[in-house]
Structures are given as C-alpha cells and as structure tokens.
Amino acid sequence: MKILVTGGTGFIGEKLCRELDDRGHDVTALARSPDEADLPETVELAMGDVTAYDSIEGAFTDQDAVVNLVALSPLFKPKGGATHESVHLGGTENVVRAAEDHGVGRLVQMSALGADPDGPTAYIRAKGKAETVVKDSDLDWTIIRPSVVFGEGGEFVSFTKKLTPPYLAPLPGGGKSRFQPIWVGDMVPILADAVEDESHVSETYEIGGPEVLTLADVAKRARRAAGQSVTVVPVPMALAGVGLTVAGAIPGFPMGADQYRSLKFDNTTNDNDVDAFGRDEASLTTLSSYLGLTE
C-alpha cells in the first residue's frame, strides 16, 4: 500500500513511518521541513504545509491512504501565528480535499480525547470540528482519539517537569487532573493497524494507556526518575486561572488561559478501545516502567 503520513517527521510521525516501512508499505512523510527527519532511505520525503493547499496536494498523487498527524500541542501556547483552528481544522480540510481530489480512498485521522466542536478549549473545539469534516467526507475514514502520548522525543514528561519544579511545586487544583498516558511504542502499531485493516472504517476509537494518573502522580514519577522529590502544593483553580491568564501574556511563558482550562477536565477514556486492535491494557507500557522506576 502507498501511504502518505502528514506530520511524518514529528514525534509520532517518524515512528509511524518506520513502522509502516517495516511492514512493507511504500511510505511518504510530508512535513514543512522533511530534510530534518531521521528516516530510512526507503521512506520518501515531501515538503508541504497543511494550512496551504497548493503546497501539499501534489504529495497525494497515487496514494492509497493518508494518516493525518499534523497537530499543535495542547500543552503550550501556539507560536508563529499558527492557531488550533488553522492547523487542526483548516489543515484537515485541506488534507480531506487533497485526498478526494486525488482519489485517495483511506484516511486515518489523529484526533484527541474529548474532541468536541463546542468544547472548553480551542484545541478541543478545533479537533471536534476537524472530526466533522472527516466524517462528512467521501473517504473511508477512521478516527483515533488518544490520551496524552509519552516517549522519547515527546513533550508530556518534559512539560510536567517544567510545570513542577523539584521539592515544592504549586499546581492548579493540587494537580488532580487525570490522564491516561500511552507510550508511543504502543500507540504507533495501533495507528498502523488502523490503516491496514478495513474493519476499522467508519469507527472512532478512544485510546489510552494501562493506568489513570493525576498530574501530581506524573510530576512525582518524573522527579523521582530524575533523582529528586517533589511536594505538590494545591493552588485554588480560580486563583490559578487568574495567574496563568496574566502570566500567559509574558513572552516565553508556556501556558495561558486555554492551557489552564485544559487542566479543569480529565483526559481519560470512557472505554479504552485498545482491545479493538488486539491489545490488552495489562500488556501496555506504564509511565513508571518507561521512566525506569519500580512501581
């Protein structure tokens, strides 16, 4: 199968391109700066920006399937004029249009848990609107909604450490926001299976890891792995909201009001759909195991 991976040089994209290449597919990685990729020579590279249709449409020629991974992180404020609306919604509209224009029949869309056009954050709203675009298309689509993905090159652990300095860390609401983090090494084969197996067409899957952890749990594990301890000091959510909104106006500060709002709701599955891909939750890698910690 000829498969185009948009965002093919990113944290998940590079690993997915390798996985699909290992499975014998003809893979093309589409990215704004593809030459920076560390990919096998058998993976073709294409340059393009999903927010600019003319820059990407040629890469869709003769492709059988596309995996749309292009995304902005929900953890940090967007930079360089990009917005969740322009990348997640506008980018998806261009990917769907290019796929339809070039007769690409199959699309796997990376979405997010809680995606909702009327959701509480710009990230969640844009992801929800993008899902609507995908479902209204003429393509054979599959939507994957993961919780946070961690692993080498990922942002989740490093972001948590940035948010929680060692020894004493004030966290909004005491860091009680819950996550269901999944290791990228478990996530990538699921994405590859979603492309290959037609039984997943017209399905939306919620995907999470083997355990539910609060932000405080993640912070303590990350600091313990670094040989440090941390005591979480609860900050009332209302007070944290004011502080982060003000601090968000400071250049270089990673969080703003939208990121604060994301800490007010859980990032966990209703029903973990990993079993639809032949996986058992108990077989998945825990965050502690990845960090080299004993439970």
Protein backbone atom coordinates (compact mmCIF):
# COMPACT_ATOMS: atom_id res chain seq x y z
CA MET A 1 0.00 0.00 0.00
CA LYS A 2 1.17 3.55 -0.76
CA ILE A 3 0.70 5.59 2.40
CA LEU A 4 1.20 9.33 2.96
CA VAL A 5 1.84 10.43 6.54
CA THR A 6 1.25 14.13 7.13
CA GLY A 7 3.35 15.28 10.04
CA GLY A 8 5.58 12.38 9.14
CA THR A 9 8.70 13.81 10.77
CA GLY A 10 7.13 14.59 14.15
CA PHE A 11 7.24 12.75 17.47
CA ILE A 12 4.68 10.13 16.41
CA GLY A 13 5.09 10.56 12.65
CA GLU A 14 8.70 9.39 12.39
CA LYS A 15 7.95 6.25 14.39
CA LEU A 16 4.82 5.52 12.35
CA CYS A 17 6.71 5.95 9.08
CA ARG A 18 9.28 3.43 10.30
CA GLU A 19 6.58 1.01 11.40
CA LEU A 20 4.74 1.19 8.07
CA ASP A 21 8.02 0.89 6.17
CA ASP A 22 8.92 -2.20 8.20
CA ARG A 23 5.54 -3.68 7.29
CA GLY A 24 6.42 -3.37 3.60
CA HIS A 25 4.39 -0.32 2.61
CA ASP A 26 5.58 2.48 0.31
CA VAL A 27 5.66 5.41 2.72
CA THR A 28 5.92 9.16 2.12
CA ALA A 29 6.50 11.55 5.01
CA LEU A 30 5.01 15.01 4.44
CA ALA A 31 6.33 17.86 6.59
CA ARG A 32 7.30 21.51 6.45
CA SER A 33 10.99 20.62 6.91
CA PRO A 34 11.31 16.98 5.83
CA ASP A 35 15.09 17.11 5.41
CA GLU A 36 15.43 17.23 9.21
CA ALA A 37 13.92 13.76 9.51
CA ASP A 38 15.79 10.69 10.71
CA LEU A 39 14.08 8.16 8.47
CA PRO A 40 15.14 5.15 6.37
CA GLU A 41 16.12 5.88 2.78
CA THR A 42 13.15 3.80 1.68
CA VAL A 43 10.77 6.43 3.09
CA GLU A 44 10.17 9.24 0.60
CA LEU A 45 10.07 12.83 1.78
CA ALA A 46 7.71 15.58 0.65
CA MET A 47 7.65 19.22 1.67
CA GLY A 48 4.40 20.99 2.44
CA ASP A 49 2.31 22.84 4.99
CA VAL A 50 -1.22 21.51 5.54
CA THR A 51 -2.51 25.05 6.04
CA ALA A 52 -1.52 25.81 2.40
CA TYR A 53 -3.39 23.52 0.00
CA ASP A 54 -1.20 24.14 -3.05
CA SER A 55 1.90 23.11 -1.10
CA ILE A 56 0.57 19.63 -0.24
CA GLU A 57 -1.82 18.47 -2.94
CA GLY A 58 0.87 17.03 -5.21
CA ALA A 59 2.02 14.62 -2.48
CA PHE A 60 -1.39 12.91 -2.59
CA THR A 61 -0.94 11.70 -6.18
CA ASP A 62 -1.23 7.89 -6.47
CA GLN A 63 -1.52 7.38 -2.71
CA ASP A 64 -3.80 4.66 -1.36
CA ALA A 65 -4.13 6.05 2.15
CA VAL A 66 -3.21 9.03 4.28
CA VAL A 67 -2.62 9.30 8.02
CA ASN A 68 -3.17 12.86 9.21
CA LEU A 69 -0.97 13.51 12.26
CA VAL A 70 -0.28 17.23 11.89
CA ALA A 71 -1.10 18.93 15.18
CA LEU A 72 -0.21 21.69 17.58
CA SER A 73 0.45 20.66 21.15
CA PRO A 74 -2.40 21.32 23.58
CA LEU A 75 0.21 21.79 26.33
CA PHE A 76 1.76 25.02 25.04
CA LYS A 77 0.53 28.25 23.52
CA PRO A 78 0.77 28.11 19.70
CA LYS A 79 3.69 30.03 18.22
CA GLY A 80 4.41 31.85 14.97
CA GLY A 81 0.87 32.91 14.20
CA ALA A 82 -0.46 29.35 13.97
CA THR A 83 -3.74 28.58 15.72
CA HIS A 84 -5.55 25.37 16.61
CA GLU A 85 -8.28 26.44 14.19
CA SER A 86 -5.89 26.99 11.27
CA VAL A 87 -3.89 23.79 11.79
CA HIS A 88 -6.39 21.25 13.11
CA LEU A 89 -9.48 22.42 11.25
CA GLY A 90 -8.02 24.23 8.22
CA GLY A 91 -5.26 21.65 7.84
CA THR A 92 -7.75 18.77 7.97
CA GLU A 93 -9.98 20.49 5.42
CA ASN A 94 -7.00 20.69 3.04
CA VAL A 95 -5.97 17.08 3.68
CA VAL A 96 -9.50 15.83 3.01
CA ARG A 97 -9.80 17.98 -0.11
CA ALA A 98 -6.45 16.79 -1.49
CA ALA A 99 -7.33 13.16 -0.75
CA GLU A 100 -10.66 13.47 -2.54
CA ASP A 101 -9.15 15.38 -5.48
CA HIS A 102 -6.53 12.64 -6.00
CA GLY A 103 -8.71 9.61 -5.37
CA VAL A 104 -7.11 8.59 -2.09
CA GLY A 105 -9.68 6.29 -0.58
CA ARG A 106 -8.49 5.87 3.01
CA LEU A 107 -7.90 8.37 5.83
CA VAL A 108 -6.83 7.78 9.41
CA GLN A 109 -7.31 10.96 11.44
CA MET A 110 -5.45 11.58 14.69
CA SER A 111 -7.87 13.43 16.93
CA ALA A 112 -7.95 13.77 20.74
CA LEU A 113 -9.96 12.57 23.70
CA GLY A 114 -12.90 14.86 24.31
CA ALA A 115 -12.86 16.36 20.81
CA ASP A 116 -15.99 18.48 20.61
CA PRO A 117 -16.91 21.46 18.38
CA ASP A 118 -18.42 23.08 21.49
CA GLY A 119 -15.64 22.03 23.87
CA PRO A 120 -13.98 24.14 26.58
CA THR A 121 -10.64 24.82 24.83
CA ALA A 122 -9.58 25.98 21.38
CA TYR A 123 -7.67 22.71 20.91
CA ILE A 124 -10.67 20.51 21.75
CA ARG A 125 -13.05 22.63 19.63
CA ALA A 126 -10.78 22.56 16.58
CA LYS A 127 -10.26 18.81 16.91
CA GLY A 128 -14.02 18.33 17.14
CA LYS A 129 -14.69 20.44 14.06
CA ALA A 130 -11.99 18.51 12.18
CA GLU A 131 -13.72 15.23 13.04
CA THR A 132 -16.92 16.59 11.47
CA VAL A 133 -15.01 17.41 8.27
CA VAL A 134 -13.62 13.87 8.16
CA LYS A 135 -16.98 12.21 8.77
CA ASP A 136 -18.68 14.36 6.12
CA SER A 137 -16.06 13.40 3.50
CA ASP A 138 -16.31 10.75 0.79
CA LEU A 139 -13.32 8.89 2.27
CA ASP A 140 -13.17 5.62 4.18
CA TRP A 141 -12.18 7.16 7.49
CA THR A 142 -11.06 6.04 10.91
CA ILE A 143 -10.68 8.47 13.82
CA ILE A 144 -8.25 7.76 16.66
CA ARG A 145 -8.71 9.75 19.89
CA PRO A 146 -5.70 9.16 22.14
CA SER A 147 -4.97 10.44 25.59
CA VAL A 148 -1.54 12.03 26.01
CA VAL A 149 1.26 10.09 24.30
CA PHE A 150 4.65 9.83 26.00
CA GLY A 151 8.03 8.54 24.91
CA GLU A 152 11.40 9.57 23.54
CA GLY A 153 11.03 12.97 21.88
CA GLY A 154 7.61 13.62 23.40
CA GLU A 155 6.54 16.65 25.40
CA PHE A 156 4.37 15.25 28.17
CA VAL A 157 7.04 14.38 30.74
CA SER A 158 9.23 17.40 29.98
CA PHE A 159 6.19 19.70 30.16
CA THR A 160 5.20 18.27 33.52
CA LYS A 161 8.73 18.80 34.85
CA LYS A 162 8.69 22.38 33.58
CA LEU A 163 5.37 22.93 35.34
CA THR A 164 6.53 21.32 38.59
CA PRO A 165 9.98 22.33 39.87
CA PRO A 166 11.66 19.92 42.31
CA TYR A 167 10.93 19.88 46.02
CA LEU A 168 7.95 22.26 46.11
CA ALA A 169 5.51 22.62 43.21
CA PRO A 170 2.31 24.69 43.25
CA LEU A 171 -0.25 23.08 40.94
CA PRO A 172 -3.75 24.24 39.96
CA GLY A 173 -6.25 22.25 41.99
CA GLY A 174 -3.43 20.23 43.52
CA GLY A 175 -2.72 18.54 40.19
CA LYS A 176 -5.85 16.39 40.36
CA SER A 177 -6.50 16.49 36.59
CA ARG A 178 -6.43 12.89 35.38
CA PHE A 179 -4.64 11.48 32.34
CA GLN A 180 -4.37 8.03 30.77
CA PRO A 181 -0.94 8.29 29.13
CA ILE A 182 0.00 5.80 26.43
CA TRP A 183 3.55 5.01 25.32
CA VAL A 184 4.30 5.93 21.71
CA GLY A 185 5.63 2.39 21.18
CA ASP A 186 2.13 1.09 21.92
CA MET A 187 0.34 3.86 20.02
CA VAL A 188 2.15 3.52 16.69
CA PRO A 189 1.23 -0.13 15.94
CA ILE A 190 -2.42 0.75 16.62
CA LEU A 191 -2.26 3.53 14.05
CA ALA A 192 -0.62 1.18 11.54
CA ASP A 193 -3.32 -1.43 12.13
CA ALA A 194 -6.00 1.22 11.64
CA VAL A 195 -4.62 1.92 8.16
CA GLU A 196 -4.29 -1.70 7.13
CA ASP A 197 -7.48 -3.26 8.49
CA GLU A 198 -10.69 -2.26 6.70
CA SER A 199 -12.77 -3.43 9.66
CA HIS A 200 -11.85 -0.11 11.30
CA VAL A 201 -13.52 2.01 8.60
CA SER A 202 -16.14 4.47 9.93
CA GLU A 203 -15.09 3.84 13.52
CA THR A 204 -13.98 6.29 16.21
CA TYR A 205 -11.71 4.86 18.89
CA GLU A 206 -10.71 6.21 22.29
CA ILE A 207 -7.20 5.02 23.11
CA GLY A 208 -5.43 5.22 26.46
CA GLY A 209 -2.67 3.56 28.41
CA PRO A 210 -2.88 0.96 31.18
CA GLU A 211 -3.34 3.36 34.11
CA VAL A 212 -5.03 6.61 35.06
CA LEU A 213 -2.67 9.13 36.68
CA THR A 214 -3.21 12.60 38.05
CA LEU A 215 -0.90 15.41 37.02
CA ALA A 216 0.56 15.23 40.55
CA ASP A 217 1.24 11.49 40.05
CA VAL A 218 3.06 12.21 36.80
CA ALA A 219 5.09 15.01 38.40
CA LYS A 220 6.19 12.79 41.30
CA ARG A 221 7.21 9.97 38.94
CA ALA A 222 9.12 12.33 36.64
CA ARG A 223 11.01 13.90 39.55
CA ARG A 224 11.74 10.54 41.17
CA ALA A 225 13.19 9.30 37.88
CA ALA A 226 15.47 12.36 37.95
CA GLY A 227 16.58 11.55 41.50
CA GLN A 228 14.51 14.35 43.02
CA SER A 229 11.46 14.65 45.21
CA VAL A 230 8.52 16.99 44.91
CA THR A 231 5.72 18.06 47.21
CA VAL A 232 2.65 19.36 45.45
CA VAL A 233 1.09 22.48 46.91
CA PRO A 234 -2.53 22.95 45.82
CA VAL A 235 -3.41 26.29 44.24
CA PRO A 236 -7.17 27.06 44.03
CA MET A 237 -8.31 26.74 40.43
CA ALA A 238 -9.82 30.24 40.37
CA LEU A 239 -6.57 31.79 41.61
CA ALA A 240 -4.51 29.67 39.21
CA GLY A 241 -6.71 30.81 36.35
CA VAL A 242 -6.04 34.45 37.07
CA GLY A 243 -2.31 33.85 37.48
CA LEU A 244 -1.91 31.82 34.31
CA THR A 245 -4.00 34.25 32.28
CA VAL A 246 -1.76 37.12 33.36
CA ALA A 247 1.46 35.12 33.02
CA GLY A 248 0.36 33.92 29.61
CA ALA A 249 0.83 37.43 28.30
CA ILE A 250 4.54 37.24 29.16
CA PRO A 251 6.66 36.30 26.11
CA GLY A 252 8.16 32.84 26.54
CA PHE A 253 5.75 31.73 29.26
CA PRO A 254 4.45 28.31 28.10
CA MET A 255 0.89 28.42 29.41
CA GLY A 256 -2.06 30.71 29.06
CA ALA A 257 -5.76 30.75 29.79
CA ASP A 258 -6.55 27.98 27.31
CA GLN A 259 -3.96 25.64 28.80
CA TYR A 260 -5.34 26.39 32.27
CA ARG A 261 -8.83 25.43 31.09
CA SER A 262 -7.47 22.10 29.85
CA LEU A 263 -6.46 21.28 33.44
CA LYS A 264 -10.08 21.55 34.58
CA PHE A 265 -11.24 18.34 32.86
CA ASP A 266 -9.91 14.79 32.72
CA ASN A 267 -8.11 13.29 29.74
CA THR A 268 -9.25 9.69 30.14
CA THR A 269 -11.19 7.20 28.04
CA ASN A 270 -14.79 6.19 28.72
CA ASP A 271 -13.99 2.74 27.36
CA ASN A 272 -10.43 2.03 26.31
CA ASP A 273 -10.64 0.69 22.76
CA VAL A 274 -7.17 -0.88 22.61
CA ASP A 275 -8.88 -4.28 22.60
CA ALA A 276 -10.31 -3.46 19.15
CA PHE A 277 -6.69 -3.73 17.96
CA GLY A 278 -5.95 -6.98 19.77
CA ARG A 279 -4.21 -5.29 22.70
CA ASP A 280 -4.76 -5.93 26.38
CA GLU A 281 -4.41 -2.95 28.73
CA ALA A 282 -2.27 -5.05 31.05
CA SER A 283 0.29 -5.59 28.28
CA LEU A 284 0.83 -1.87 27.66
CA THR A 285 3.84 0.04 28.97
CA THR A 286 3.28 2.09 32.11
CA LEU A 287 4.84 5.50 32.62
CA SER A 288 6.82 4.19 35.60
CA SER A 289 8.25 1.36 33.51
CA TYR A 290 9.26 3.79 30.77
CA LEU A 291 10.94 6.03 33.33
CA GLY A 292 12.85 3.06 34.77
CA LEU A 293 11.01 3.11 38.09
CA THR A 294 9.79 0.16 40.14
CA GLU A 295 6.10 0.51 40.93
